[in-house]
Amino acid sequence: MRAQKIRPFVPSGKDFPLAVQFYTDLGFEKIFSNPQGAIFKIDETEFHLQNYHNVELQENYMLELCVQDIDAWWTHIQSTEIVSKYQVRANPPKMQPYGKRAIHLIDPAGVLWHFTE
């Protein structure tokens, strides 16, 4: 048996079109979309953005995106101005107790992304 990839289903929050635009502005490519959800891709990594709103789930949902150059991602996040545009939070790269440098980015729905190197 061999697994090829995992595609998590990420809740969009109450404003699905806003979430779609957020991920587009962040640099993900939308490869599919309908009213129920969208699929986003960056390099070989993909995820489903589900048109689903559940505050408890969203505020407890976390993803780790492993990247090659964490500092380049931080520069990119700052250059997109998504923090001010979407009123979200992002923390610069910092060494974490689990041994990786990470950027923490909370999307408009409250989902926490760990960008790690």
PDB file of N, CA and C in Angstrom:
ATOM      1  N   MET A   1       0.844  -1.191   0.000  1.00  0.00           N
ATOM      2  CA  MET A   1       0.000   0.000   0.000  1.00  0.00           C
ATOM      3  C   MET A   1       0.878   1.239   0.000  1.00  0.00           C
ATOM      4  N   ARG A   2       0.432   2.235  -0.731  1.00  0.00           N
ATOM      5  CA  ARG A   2       1.198   3.478  -0.818  1.00  0.00           C
ATOM      6  C   ARG A   2       0.226   4.646  -0.910  1.00  0.00           C
ATOM      7  N   ALA A   3       0.401   5.618  -0.043  1.00  0.00           N
ATOM      8  CA  ALA A   3      -0.423   6.828  -0.081  1.00  0.00           C
ATOM      9  C   ALA A   3       0.252   7.845  -0.992  1.00  0.00           C
ATOM     10  N   GLN A   4      -0.541   8.615  -1.706  1.00  0.00           N
ATOM     11  CA  GLN A   4       0.030   9.600  -2.611  1.00  0.00           C
ATOM     12  C   GLN A   4      -0.081  11.022  -2.081  1.00  0.00           C
ATOM     13  N   LYS A   5      -1.180  11.347  -1.425  1.00  0.00           N
ATOM     14  CA  LYS A   5      -1.311  12.685  -0.849  1.00  0.00           C
ATOM     15  C   LYS A   5      -2.494  12.710   0.084  1.00  0.00           C
ATOM     16  N   ILE A   6      -2.537  13.722   0.899  1.00  0.00           N
ATOM     17  CA  ILE A   6      -3.682  13.954   1.766  1.00  0.00           C
ATOM     18  C   ILE A   6      -4.191  15.362   1.465  1.00  0.00           C
ATOM     19  N   ARG A   7      -5.484  15.496   1.328  1.00  0.00           N
ATOM     20  CA  ARG A   7      -6.108  16.800   1.066  1.00  0.00           C
ATOM     21  C   ARG A   7      -7.081  17.090   2.200  1.00  0.00           C
ATOM     22  N   PRO A   8      -6.699  17.909   3.153  1.00  0.00           N
ATOM     23  CA  PRO A   8      -7.623  18.228   4.246  1.00  0.00           C
ATOM     24  C   PRO A   8      -8.780  19.100   3.760  1.00  0.00           C
ATOM     25  N   PHE A   9      -9.893  19.012   4.468  1.00  0.00           N
ATOM     26  CA  PHE A   9     -11.051  19.862   4.220  1.00  0.00           C
ATOM     27  C   PHE A   9     -11.027  20.965   5.269  1.00  0.00           C
ATOM     28  N   VAL A  10     -10.816  22.183   4.825  1.00  0.00           N
ATOM     29  CA  VAL A  10     -10.667  23.339   5.701  1.00  0.00           C
ATOM     30  C   VAL A  10     -11.980  24.124   5.692  1.00  0.00           C
ATOM     31  N   PRO A  11     -12.549  24.416   6.860  1.00  0.00           N
ATOM     32  CA  PRO A  11     -13.788  25.191   6.885  1.00  0.00           C
ATOM     33  C   PRO A  11     -13.542  26.640   6.475  1.00  0.00           C
ATOM     34  N   SER A  12     -14.459  27.173   5.682  1.00  0.00           N
ATOM     35  CA  SER A  12     -14.309  28.540   5.179  1.00  0.00           C
ATOM     36  C   SER A  12     -14.767  29.603   6.160  1.00  0.00           C
ATOM     37  N   GLY A  13     -15.608  29.235   7.105  1.00  0.00           N
ATOM     38  CA  GLY A  13     -16.247  30.238   7.947  1.00  0.00           C
ATOM     39  C   GLY A  13     -17.510  30.730   7.271  1.00  0.00           C
ATOM     40  N   LYS A  14     -18.095  31.772   7.855  1.00  0.00           N
ATOM     41  CA  LYS A  14     -19.403  32.222   7.367  1.00  0.00           C
ATOM     42  C   LYS A  14     -19.360  32.907   6.007  1.00  0.00           C
ATOM     43  N   ASP A  15     -18.184  33.375   5.569  1.00  0.00           N
ATOM     44  CA  ASP A  15     -18.092  34.102   4.305  1.00  0.00           C
ATOM     45  C   ASP A  15     -17.190  33.332   3.333  1.00  0.00           C
ATOM     46  N   PHE A  16     -17.789  32.387   2.619  1.00  0.00           N
ATOM     47  CA  PHE A  16     -17.035  31.548   1.689  1.00  0.00           C
ATOM     48  C   PHE A  16     -16.315  32.366   0.609  1.00  0.00           C
ATOM     49  N   PRO A  17     -16.984  33.327  -0.066  1.00  0.00           N
ATOM     50  CA  PRO A  17     -16.267  34.116  -1.082  1.00  0.00           C
ATOM     51  C   PRO A  17     -15.055  34.867  -0.515  1.00  0.00           C
ATOM     52  N   LEU A  18     -15.170  35.367   0.714  1.00  0.00           N
ATOM     53  CA  LEU A  18     -14.037  36.053   1.350  1.00  0.00           C
ATOM     54  C   LEU A  18     -12.882  35.081   1.563  1.00  0.00           C
ATOM     55  N   ALA A  19     -13.199  33.870   2.019  1.00  0.00           N
ATOM     56  CA  ALA A  19     -12.160  32.869   2.243  1.00  0.00           C
ATOM     57  C   ALA A  19     -11.477  32.487   0.929  1.00  0.00           C
ATOM     58  N   VAL A  20     -12.253  32.340  -0.129  1.00  0.00           N
ATOM     59  CA  VAL A  20     -11.678  32.037  -1.449  1.00  0.00           C
ATOM     60  C   VAL A  20     -10.705  33.143  -1.857  1.00  0.00           C
ATOM     61  N   GLN A  21     -11.110  34.381  -1.692  1.00  0.00           N
ATOM     62  CA  GLN A  21     -10.240  35.497  -2.067  1.00  0.00           C
ATOM     63  C   GLN A  21      -8.990  35.557  -1.187  1.00  0.00           C
ATOM     64  N   PHE A  22      -9.138  35.271   0.105  1.00  0.00           N
ATOM     65  CA  PHE A  22      -8.006  35.249   1.028  1.00  0.00           C
ATOM     66  C   PHE A  22      -6.928  34.276   0.547  1.00  0.00           C
ATOM     67  N   TYR A  23      -7.326  33.045   0.240  1.00  0.00           N
ATOM     68  CA  TYR A  23      -6.342  32.051  -0.178  1.00  0.00           C
ATOM     69  C   TYR A  23      -5.764  32.369  -1.550  1.00  0.00           C
ATOM     70  N   THR A  24      -6.566  32.969  -2.410  1.00  0.00           N
ATOM     71  CA  THR A  24      -6.053  33.418  -3.706  1.00  0.00           C
ATOM     72  C   THR A  24      -4.999  34.507  -3.494  1.00  0.00           C
ATOM     73  N   ASP A  25      -5.308  35.481  -2.647  1.00  0.00           N
ATOM     74  CA  ASP A  25      -4.360  36.556  -2.361  1.00  0.00           C
ATOM     75  C   ASP A  25      -3.094  36.035  -1.675  1.00  0.00           C
ATOM     76  N   LEU A  26      -3.242  34.969  -0.902  1.00  0.00           N
ATOM     77  CA  LEU A  26      -2.082  34.387  -0.222  1.00  0.00           C
ATOM     78  C   LEU A  26      -1.150  33.680  -1.205  1.00  0.00           C
ATOM     79  N   GLY A  27      -1.663  33.340  -2.382  1.00  0.00           N
ATOM     80  CA  GLY A  27      -0.805  32.750  -3.405  1.00  0.00           C
ATOM     81  C   GLY A  27      -1.168  31.340  -3.817  1.00  0.00           C
ATOM     82  N   PHE A  28      -2.264  30.817  -3.278  1.00  0.00           N
ATOM     83  CA  PHE A  28      -2.719  29.497  -3.687  1.00  0.00           C
ATOM     84  C   PHE A  28      -3.471  29.605  -5.015  1.00  0.00           C
ATOM     85  N   GLU A  29      -3.368  28.576  -5.827  1.00  0.00           N
ATOM     86  CA  GLU A  29      -4.077  28.527  -7.108  1.00  0.00           C
ATOM     87  C   GLU A  29      -5.392  27.776  -6.907  1.00  0.00           C
ATOM     88  N   LYS A  30      -6.493  28.393  -7.304  1.00  0.00           N
ATOM     89  CA  LYS A  30      -7.795  27.731  -7.231  1.00  0.00           C
ATOM     90  C   LYS A  30      -7.916  26.836  -8.458  1.00  0.00           C
ATOM     91  N   ILE A  31      -8.015  25.508  -8.250  1.00  0.00           N
ATOM     92  CA  ILE A  31      -8.080  24.577  -9.373  1.00  0.00           C
ATOM     93  C   ILE A  31      -9.485  24.024  -9.582  1.00  0.00           C
ATOM     94  N   PHE A  32     -10.396  24.293  -8.648  1.00  0.00           N
ATOM     95  CA  PHE A  32     -11.788  23.875  -8.784  1.00  0.00           C
ATOM     96  C   PHE A  32     -12.613  24.731  -7.831  1.00  0.00           C
ATOM     97  N   SER A  33     -13.842  25.015  -8.254  1.00  0.00           N
ATOM     98  CA  SER A  33     -14.730  25.755  -7.367  1.00  0.00           C
ATOM     99  C   SER A  33     -16.178  25.536  -7.757  1.00  0.00           C
ATOM    100  N   ASN A  34     -17.020  25.384  -6.751  1.00  0.00           N
ATOM    101  CA  ASN A  34     -18.465  25.403  -6.912  1.00  0.00           C
ATOM    102  C   ASN A  34     -19.036  25.961  -5.611  1.00  0.00           C
ATOM    103  N   PRO A  35     -20.352  26.112  -5.481  1.00  0.00           N
ATOM    104  CA  PRO A  35     -20.895  26.726  -4.254  1.00  0.00           C
ATOM    105  C   PRO A  35     -20.602  25.957  -2.967  1.00  0.00           C
ATOM    106  N   GLN A  36     -20.303  24.666  -3.070  1.00  0.00           N
ATOM    107  CA  GLN A  36     -20.020  23.874  -1.873  1.00  0.00           C
ATOM    108  C   GLN A  36     -18.568  23.965  -1.410  1.00  0.00           C
ATOM    109  N   GLY A  37     -17.668  24.337  -2.310  1.00  0.00           N
ATOM    110  CA  GLY A  37     -16.271  24.392  -1.918  1.00  0.00           C
ATOM    111  C   GLY A  37     -15.342  24.662  -3.076  1.00  0.00           C
ATOM    112  N   ALA A  38     -14.063  24.680  -2.755  1.00  0.00           N
ATOM    113  CA  ALA A  38     -13.024  24.929  -3.750  1.00  0.00           C
ATOM    114  C   ALA A  38     -11.822  24.066  -3.399  1.00  0.00           C
ATOM    115  N   ILE A  39     -11.009  23.798  -4.405  1.00  0.00           N
ATOM    116  CA  ILE A  39      -9.742  23.107  -4.173  1.00  0.00           C
ATOM    117  C   ILE A  39      -8.633  24.089  -4.523  1.00  0.00           C
ATOM    118  N   PHE A  40      -7.694  24.222  -3.600  1.00  0.00           N
ATOM    119  CA  PHE A  40      -6.547  25.106  -3.789  1.00  0.00           C
ATOM    120  C   PHE A  40      -5.274  24.289  -3.845  1.00  0.00           C
ATOM    121  N   LYS A  41      -4.305  24.828  -4.581  1.00  0.00           N
ATOM    122  CA  LYS A  41      -3.033  24.132  -4.772  1.00  0.00           C
ATOM    123  C   LYS A  41      -1.894  25.130  -4.729  1.00  0.00           C
ATOM    124  N   ILE A  42      -0.791  24.695  -4.169  1.00  0.00           N
ATOM    125  CA  ILE A  42       0.473  25.408  -4.277  1.00  0.00           C
ATOM    126  C   ILE A  42       1.554  24.340  -4.368  1.00  0.00           C
ATOM    127  N   ASP A  43       2.314  24.366  -5.422  1.00  0.00           N
ATOM    128  CA  ASP A  43       3.261  23.296  -5.728  1.00  0.00           C
ATOM    129  C   ASP A  43       2.498  21.973  -5.751  1.00  0.00           C
ATOM    130  N   GLU A  44       2.886  20.995  -4.952  1.00  0.00           N
ATOM    131  CA  GLU A  44       2.186  19.703  -4.929  1.00  0.00           C
ATOM    132  C   GLU A  44       1.210  19.584  -3.764  1.00  0.00           C
ATOM    133  N   THR A  45       1.027  20.641  -3.019  1.00  0.00           N
ATOM    134  CA  THR A  45       0.152  20.628  -1.854  1.00  0.00           C
ATOM    135  C   THR A  45      -1.227  21.152  -2.224  1.00  0.00           C
ATOM    136  N   GLU A  46      -2.262  20.431  -1.811  1.00  0.00           N
ATOM    137  CA  GLU A  46      -3.635  20.819  -2.117  1.00  0.00           C
ATOM    138  C   GLU A  46      -4.495  20.717  -0.859  1.00  0.00           C
ATOM    139  N   PHE A  47      -5.560  21.508  -0.841  1.00  0.00           N
ATOM    140  CA  PHE A  47      -6.565  21.367   0.208  1.00  0.00           C
ATOM    141  C   PHE A  47      -7.921  21.788  -0.339  1.00  0.00           C
ATOM    142  N   HIS A  48      -8.958  21.234   0.279  1.00  0.00           N
ATOM    143  CA  HIS A  48     -10.331  21.623  -0.026  1.00  0.00           C
ATOM    144  C   HIS A  48     -10.722  22.756   0.914  1.00  0.00           C
ATOM    145  N   LEU A  49     -11.264  23.805   0.374  1.00  0.00           N
ATOM    146  CA  LEU A  49     -11.879  24.849   1.188  1.00  0.00           C
ATOM    147  C   LEU A  49     -13.369  24.559   1.158  1.00  0.00           C
ATOM    148  N   GLN A  50     -13.885  24.116   2.269  1.00  0.00           N
ATOM    149  CA  GLN A  50     -15.274  23.693   2.359  1.00  0.00           C
ATOM    150  C   GLN A  50     -16.154  24.871   2.757  1.00  0.00           C
ATOM    151  N   ASN A  51     -17.230  25.097   2.028  1.00  0.00           N
ATOM    152  CA  ASN A  51     -18.181  26.151   2.371  1.00  0.00           C
ATOM    153  C   ASN A  51     -18.952  25.685   3.599  1.00  0.00           C
ATOM    154  N   TYR A  52     -18.318  25.889   4.750  1.00  0.00           N
ATOM    155  CA  TYR A  52     -18.846  25.356   6.003  1.00  0.00           C
ATOM    156  C   TYR A  52     -18.459  26.298   7.128  1.00  0.00           C
ATOM    157  N   HIS A  53     -19.420  26.557   8.000  1.00  0.00           N
ATOM    158  CA  HIS A  53     -19.200  27.477   9.121  1.00  0.00           C
ATOM    159  C   HIS A  53     -19.556  26.779  10.425  1.00  0.00           C
ATOM    160  N   ASN A  54     -18.560  26.619  11.282  1.00  0.00           N
ATOM    161  CA  ASN A  54     -18.740  26.067  12.611  1.00  0.00           C
ATOM    162  C   ASN A  54     -17.624  26.661  13.466  1.00  0.00           C
ATOM    163  N   VAL A  55     -17.959  27.662  14.258  1.00  0.00           N
ATOM    164  CA  VAL A  55     -16.951  28.424  14.995  1.00  0.00           C
ATOM    165  C   VAL A  55     -16.074  27.526  15.858  1.00  0.00           C
ATOM    166  N   GLU A  56     -16.669  26.588  16.560  1.00  0.00           N
ATOM    167  CA  GLU A  56     -15.881  25.718  17.436  1.00  0.00           C
ATOM    168  C   GLU A  56     -14.849  24.919  16.640  1.00  0.00           C
ATOM    169  N   LEU A  57     -15.262  24.374  15.509  1.00  0.00           N
ATOM    170  CA  LEU A  57     -14.324  23.644  14.653  1.00  0.00           C
ATOM    171  C   LEU A  57     -13.244  24.576  14.122  1.00  0.00           C
ATOM    172  N   GLN A  58     -13.640  25.693  13.554  1.00  0.00           N
ATOM    173  CA  GLN A  58     -12.696  26.623  12.924  1.00  0.00           C
ATOM    174  C   GLN A  58     -11.631  27.098  13.900  1.00  0.00           C
ATOM    175  N   GLU A  59     -12.034  27.412  15.110  1.00  0.00           N
ATOM    176  CA  GLU A  59     -11.076  27.956  16.077  1.00  0.00           C
ATOM    177  C   GLU A  59     -10.222  26.876  16.735  1.00  0.00           C
ATOM    178  N   ASN A  60     -10.440  25.615  16.367  1.00  0.00           N
ATOM    179  CA  ASN A  60      -9.626  24.513  16.866  1.00  0.00           C
ATOM    180  C   ASN A  60      -8.967  23.734  15.740  1.00  0.00           C
ATOM    181  N   TYR A  61      -9.046  24.253  14.528  1.00  0.00           N
ATOM    182  CA  TYR A  61      -8.503  23.581  13.351  1.00  0.00           C
ATOM    183  C   TYR A  61      -7.118  24.144  13.065  1.00  0.00           C
ATOM    184  N   MET A  62      -6.157  23.249  12.892  1.00  0.00           N
ATOM    185  CA  MET A  62      -4.793  23.672  12.599  1.00  0.00           C
ATOM    186  C   MET A  62      -4.226  22.844  11.452  1.00  0.00           C
ATOM    187  N   LEU A  63      -3.384  23.480  10.661  1.00  0.00           N
ATOM    188  CA  LEU A  63      -2.691  22.820   9.562  1.00  0.00           C
ATOM    189  C   LEU A  63      -1.222  23.209   9.607  1.00  0.00           C
ATOM    190  N   GLU A  64      -0.380  22.300   9.168  1.00  0.00           N
ATOM    191  CA  GLU A  64       1.040  22.612   9.021  1.00  0.00           C
ATOM    192  C   GLU A  64       1.394  22.538   7.545  1.00  0.00           C
ATOM    193  N   LEU A  65       1.934  23.629   7.018  1.00  0.00           N
ATOM    194  CA  LEU A  65       2.430  23.663   5.647  1.00  0.00           C
ATOM    195  C   LEU A  65       3.951  23.756   5.724  1.00  0.00           C
ATOM    196  N   CYS A  66       4.630  22.684   5.339  1.00  0.00           N
ATOM    197  CA  CYS A  66       6.088  22.647   5.371  1.00  0.00           C
ATOM    198  C   CYS A  66       6.621  23.322   4.111  1.00  0.00           C
ATOM    199  N   VAL A  67       7.468  24.308   4.294  1.00  0.00           N
ATOM    200  CA  VAL A  67       7.996  25.099   3.179  1.00  0.00           C
ATOM    201  C   VAL A  67       9.526  25.053   3.182  1.00  0.00           C
ATOM    202  N   GLN A  68      10.119  25.417   2.054  1.00  0.00           N
ATOM    203  CA  GLN A  68      11.585  25.380   1.944  1.00  0.00           C
ATOM    204  C   GLN A  68      12.255  26.606   2.547  1.00  0.00           C
ATOM    205  N   ASP A  69      11.612  27.761   2.463  1.00  0.00           N
ATOM    206  CA  ASP A  69      12.251  29.002   2.905  1.00  0.00           C
ATOM    207  C   ASP A  69      11.242  29.823   3.715  1.00  0.00           C
ATOM    208  N   ILE A  70      11.294  29.657   4.996  1.00  0.00           N
ATOM    209  CA  ILE A  70      10.321  30.311   5.884  1.00  0.00           C
ATOM    210  C   ILE A  70      10.430  31.835   5.822  1.00  0.00           C
ATOM    211  N   ASP A  71      11.643  32.338   5.674  1.00  0.00           N
ATOM    212  CA  ASP A  71      11.829  33.790   5.611  1.00  0.00           C
ATOM    213  C   ASP A  71      11.225  34.368   4.333  1.00  0.00           C
ATOM    214  N   ALA A  72      11.338  33.636   3.229  1.00  0.00           N
ATOM    215  CA  ALA A  72      10.711  34.080   1.979  1.00  0.00           C
ATOM    216  C   ALA A  72       9.193  34.093   2.124  1.00  0.00           C
ATOM    217  N   TRP A  73       8.635  33.098   2.823  1.00  0.00           N
ATOM    218  CA  TRP A  73       7.187  33.092   3.053  1.00  0.00           C
ATOM    219  C   TRP A  73       6.763  34.274   3.908  1.00  0.00           C
ATOM    220  N   TRP A  74       7.558  34.600   4.918  1.00  0.00           N
ATOM    221  CA  TRP A  74       7.204  35.740   5.770  1.00  0.00           C
ATOM    222  C   TRP A  74       7.210  37.027   4.940  1.00  0.00           C
ATOM    223  N   THR A  75       8.220  37.191   4.101  1.00  0.00           N
ATOM    224  CA  THR A  75       8.291  38.354   3.215  1.00  0.00           C
ATOM    225  C   THR A  75       7.066  38.386   2.298  1.00  0.00           C
ATOM    226  N   HIS A  76       6.708  37.227   1.761  1.00  0.00           N
ATOM    227  CA  HIS A  76       5.543  37.139   0.883  1.00  0.00           C
ATOM    228  C   HIS A  76       4.256  37.513   1.624  1.00  0.00           C
ATOM    229  N   ILE A  77       4.051  36.975   2.807  1.00  0.00           N
ATOM    230  CA  ILE A  77       2.849  37.280   3.593  1.00  0.00           C
ATOM    231  C   ILE A  77       2.759  38.776   3.850  1.00  0.00           C
ATOM    232  N   GLN A  78       3.879  39.383   4.212  1.00  0.00           N
ATOM    233  CA  GLN A  78       3.878  40.828   4.456  1.00  0.00           C
ATOM    234  C   GLN A  78       3.586  41.606   3.176  1.00  0.00           C
ATOM    235  N   SER A  79       4.123  41.163   2.054  1.00  0.00           N
ATOM    236  CA  SER A  79       3.943  41.900   0.798  1.00  0.00           C
ATOM    237  C   SER A  79       2.505  41.835   0.284  1.00  0.00           C
ATOM    238  N   THR A  80       1.776  40.783   0.637  1.00  0.00           N
ATOM    239  CA  THR A  80       0.385  40.660   0.181  1.00  0.00           C
ATOM    240  C   THR A  80      -0.557  41.568   0.967  1.00  0.00           C
ATOM    241  N   GLU A  81      -0.097  42.039   2.112  1.00  0.00           N
ATOM    242  CA  GLU A  81      -0.898  42.884   3.007  1.00  0.00           C
ATOM    243  C   GLU A  81      -2.202  42.212   3.440  1.00  0.00           C
ATOM    244  N   ILE A  82      -2.218  40.867   3.478  1.00  0.00           N
ATOM    245  CA  ILE A  82      -3.443  40.173   3.868  1.00  0.00           C
ATOM    246  C   ILE A  82      -3.800  40.396   5.335  1.00  0.00           C
ATOM    247  N   VAL A  83      -2.803  40.664   6.170  1.00  0.00           N
ATOM    248  CA  VAL A  83      -3.088  40.886   7.594  1.00  0.00           C
ATOM    249  C   VAL A  83      -4.013  42.079   7.768  1.00  0.00           C
ATOM    250  N   SER A  84      -3.696  43.183   7.124  1.00  0.00           N
ATOM    251  CA  SER A  84      -4.557  44.364   7.249  1.00  0.00           C
ATOM    252  C   SER A  84      -5.811  44.247   6.390  1.00  0.00           C
ATOM    253  N   LYS A  85      -5.685  43.685   5.205  1.00  0.00           N
ATOM    254  CA  LYS A  85      -6.836  43.576   4.303  1.00  0.00           C
ATOM    255  C   LYS A  85      -7.936  42.700   4.887  1.00  0.00           C
ATOM    256  N   TYR A  86      -7.556  41.600   5.536  1.00  0.00           N
ATOM    257  CA  TYR A  86      -8.536  40.642   6.053  1.00  0.00           C
ATOM    258  C   TYR A  86      -8.687  40.677   7.571  1.00  0.00           C
ATOM    259  N   GLN A  87      -7.953  41.584   8.216  1.00  0.00           N
ATOM    260  CA  GLN A  87      -8.023  41.703   9.678  1.00  0.00           C
ATOM    261  C   GLN A  87      -7.703  40.360  10.354  1.00  0.00           C
ATOM    262  N   VAL A  88      -6.614  39.728   9.879  1.00  0.00           N
ATOM    263  CA  VAL A  88      -6.175  38.458  10.451  1.00  0.00           C
ATOM    264  C   VAL A  88      -4.878  38.673  11.220  1.00  0.00           C
ATOM    265  N   ARG A  89      -4.423  37.627  11.895  1.00  0.00           N
ATOM    266  CA  ARG A  89      -3.177  37.721  12.653  1.00  0.00           C
ATOM    267  C   ARG A  89      -2.122  36.823  12.039  1.00  0.00           C
ATOM    268  N   ALA A  90      -0.893  37.302  12.084  1.00  0.00           N
ATOM    269  CA  ALA A  90       0.255  36.521  11.633  1.00  0.00           C
ATOM    270  C   ALA A  90       1.440  36.871  12.519  1.00  0.00           C
ATOM    271  N   ASN A  91       2.165  35.857  12.919  1.00  0.00           N
ATOM    272  CA  ASN A  91       3.376  36.047  13.720  1.00  0.00           C
ATOM    273  C   ASN A  91       4.592  35.684  12.888  1.00  0.00           C
ATOM    274  N   PRO A  92       5.666  36.472  12.983  1.00  0.00           N
ATOM    275  CA  PRO A  92       6.878  36.192  12.208  1.00  0.00           C
ATOM    276  C   PRO A  92       7.506  34.862  12.603  1.00  0.00           C
ATOM    277  N   PRO A  93       8.423  34.373  11.778  1.00  0.00           N
ATOM    278  CA  PRO A  93       9.072  33.093  12.081  1.00  0.00           C
ATOM    279  C   PRO A  93       9.709  33.095  13.463  1.00  0.00           C
ATOM    280  N   LYS A  94       9.475  32.009  14.167  1.00  0.00           N
ATOM    281  CA  LYS A  94      10.002  31.860  15.524  1.00  0.00           C
ATOM    282  C   LYS A  94      10.253  30.376  15.767  1.00  0.00           C
ATOM    283  N   MET A  95      11.342  30.080  16.470  1.00  0.00           N
ATOM    284  CA  MET A  95      11.643  28.692  16.809  1.00  0.00           C
ATOM    285  C   MET A  95      10.583  28.183  17.780  1.00  0.00           C
ATOM    286  N   GLN A  96      10.051  27.017  17.479  1.00  0.00           N
ATOM    287  CA  GLN A  96       8.994  26.415  18.286  1.00  0.00           C
ATOM    288  C   GLN A  96       9.568  25.305  19.165  1.00  0.00           C
ATOM    289  N   PRO A  97       8.881  24.958  20.256  1.00  0.00           N
ATOM    290  CA  PRO A  97       9.372  23.905  21.150  1.00  0.00           C
ATOM    291  C   PRO A  97       9.566  22.553  20.452  1.00  0.00           C
ATOM    292  N   TYR A  98       8.863  22.335  19.343  1.00  0.00           N
ATOM    293  CA  TYR A  98       8.992  21.061  18.625  1.00  0.00           C
ATOM    294  C   TYR A  98      10.145  21.074  17.628  1.00  0.00           C
ATOM    295  N   GLY A  99      10.989  22.123  17.658  1.00  0.00           N
ATOM    296  CA  GLY A  99      12.230  22.129  16.892  1.00  0.00           C
ATOM    297  C   GLY A  99      12.168  22.709  15.493  1.00  0.00           C
ATOM    298  N   LYS A 100      11.078  23.331  15.108  1.00  0.00           N
ATOM    299  CA  LYS A 100      10.971  23.950  13.789  1.00  0.00           C
ATOM    300  C   LYS A 100      10.699  25.436  13.940  1.00  0.00           C
ATOM    301  N   ARG A 101      11.204  26.207  12.992  1.00  0.00           N
ATOM    302  CA  ARG A 101      10.807  27.614  12.910  1.00  0.00           C
ATOM    303  C   ARG A 101       9.438  27.655  12.262  1.00  0.00           C
ATOM    304  N   ALA A 102       8.566  28.513  12.771  1.00  0.00           N
ATOM    305  CA  ALA A 102       7.203  28.543  12.247  1.00  0.00           C
ATOM    306  C   ALA A 102       6.657  29.959  12.194  1.00  0.00           C
ATOM    307  N   ILE A 103       5.842  30.180  11.177  1.00  0.00           N
ATOM    308  CA  ILE A 103       4.979  31.358  11.082  1.00  0.00           C
ATOM    309  C   ILE A 103       3.597  30.865  11.478  1.00  0.00           C
ATOM    310  N   HIS A 104       2.923  31.607  12.318  1.00  0.00           N
ATOM    311  CA  HIS A 104       1.532  31.290  12.643  1.00  0.00           C
ATOM    312  C   HIS A 104       0.652  32.315  11.955  1.00  0.00           C
ATOM    313  N   LEU A 105      -0.278  31.832  11.153  1.00  0.00           N
ATOM    314  CA  LEU A 105      -1.204  32.684  10.416  1.00  0.00           C
ATOM    315  C   LEU A 105      -2.611  32.177  10.671  1.00  0.00           C
ATOM    316  N   ILE A 106      -3.466  33.048  11.162  1.00  0.00           N
ATOM    317  CA  ILE A 106      -4.861  32.693  11.405  1.00  0.00           C
ATOM    318  C   ILE A 106      -5.701  33.283  10.280  1.00  0.00           C
ATOM    319  N   ASP A 107      -6.420  32.408   9.574  1.00  0.00           N
ATOM    320  CA  ASP A 107      -7.216  32.863   8.428  1.00  0.00           C
ATOM    321  C   ASP A 107      -8.502  33.561   8.897  1.00  0.00           C
ATOM    322  N   PRO A 108      -9.296  34.117   7.996  1.00  0.00           N
ATOM    323  CA  PRO A 108     -10.495  34.855   8.393  1.00  0.00           C
ATOM    324  C   PRO A 108     -11.516  34.039   9.193  1.00  0.00           C
ATOM    325  N   ALA A 109     -11.507  32.715   9.044  1.00  0.00           N
ATOM    326  CA  ALA A 109     -12.448  31.866   9.778  1.00  0.00           C
ATOM    327  C   ALA A 109     -11.941  31.484  11.166  1.00  0.00           C
ATOM    328  N   GLY A 110     -10.641  31.714  11.413  1.00  0.00           N
ATOM    329  CA  GLY A 110     -10.056  31.331  12.700  1.00  0.00           C
ATOM    330  C   GLY A 110      -9.173  30.097  12.624  1.00  0.00           C
ATOM    331  N   VAL A 111      -8.979  29.545  11.424  1.00  0.00           N
ATOM    332  CA  VAL A 111      -8.121  28.381  11.230  1.00  0.00           C
ATOM    333  C   VAL A 111      -6.662  28.807  11.371  1.00  0.00           C
ATOM    334  N   LEU A 112      -5.895  28.048  12.140  1.00  0.00           N
ATOM    335  CA  LEU A 112      -4.492  28.364  12.393  1.00  0.00           C
ATOM    336  C   LEU A 112      -3.599  27.567  11.458  1.00  0.00           C
ATOM    337  N   TRP A 113      -2.837  28.284  10.640  1.00  0.00           N
ATOM    338  CA  TRP A 113      -1.848  27.673   9.751  1.00  0.00           C
ATOM    339  C   TRP A 113      -0.470  27.810  10.381  1.00  0.00           C
ATOM    340  N   HIS A 114       0.269  26.710  10.428  1.00  0.00           N
ATOM    341  CA  HIS A 114       1.668  26.700  10.849  1.00  0.00           C
ATOM    342  C   HIS A 114       2.485  26.543   9.569  1.00  0.00           C
ATOM    343  N   PHE A 115       3.159  27.589   9.149  1.00  0.00           N
ATOM    344  CA  PHE A 115       4.111  27.490   8.049  1.00  0.00           C
ATOM    345  C   PHE A 115       5.438  27.145   8.687  1.00  0.00           C
ATOM    346  N   THR A 116       5.992  25.976   8.367  1.00  0.00           N
ATOM    347  CA  THR A 116       7.222  25.530   9.030  1.00  0.00           C
ATOM    348  C   THR A 116       8.311  25.224   8.023  1.00  0.00           C
ATOM    349  N   GLU A 117       9.529  25.316   8.527  1.00  0.00           N
ATOM    350  CA  GLU A 117      10.707  25.030   7.687  1.00  0.00           C
ATOM    351  C   GLU A 117      11.438  23.841   8.280  1.00  0.00           C
TER     352      GLU A 117
END
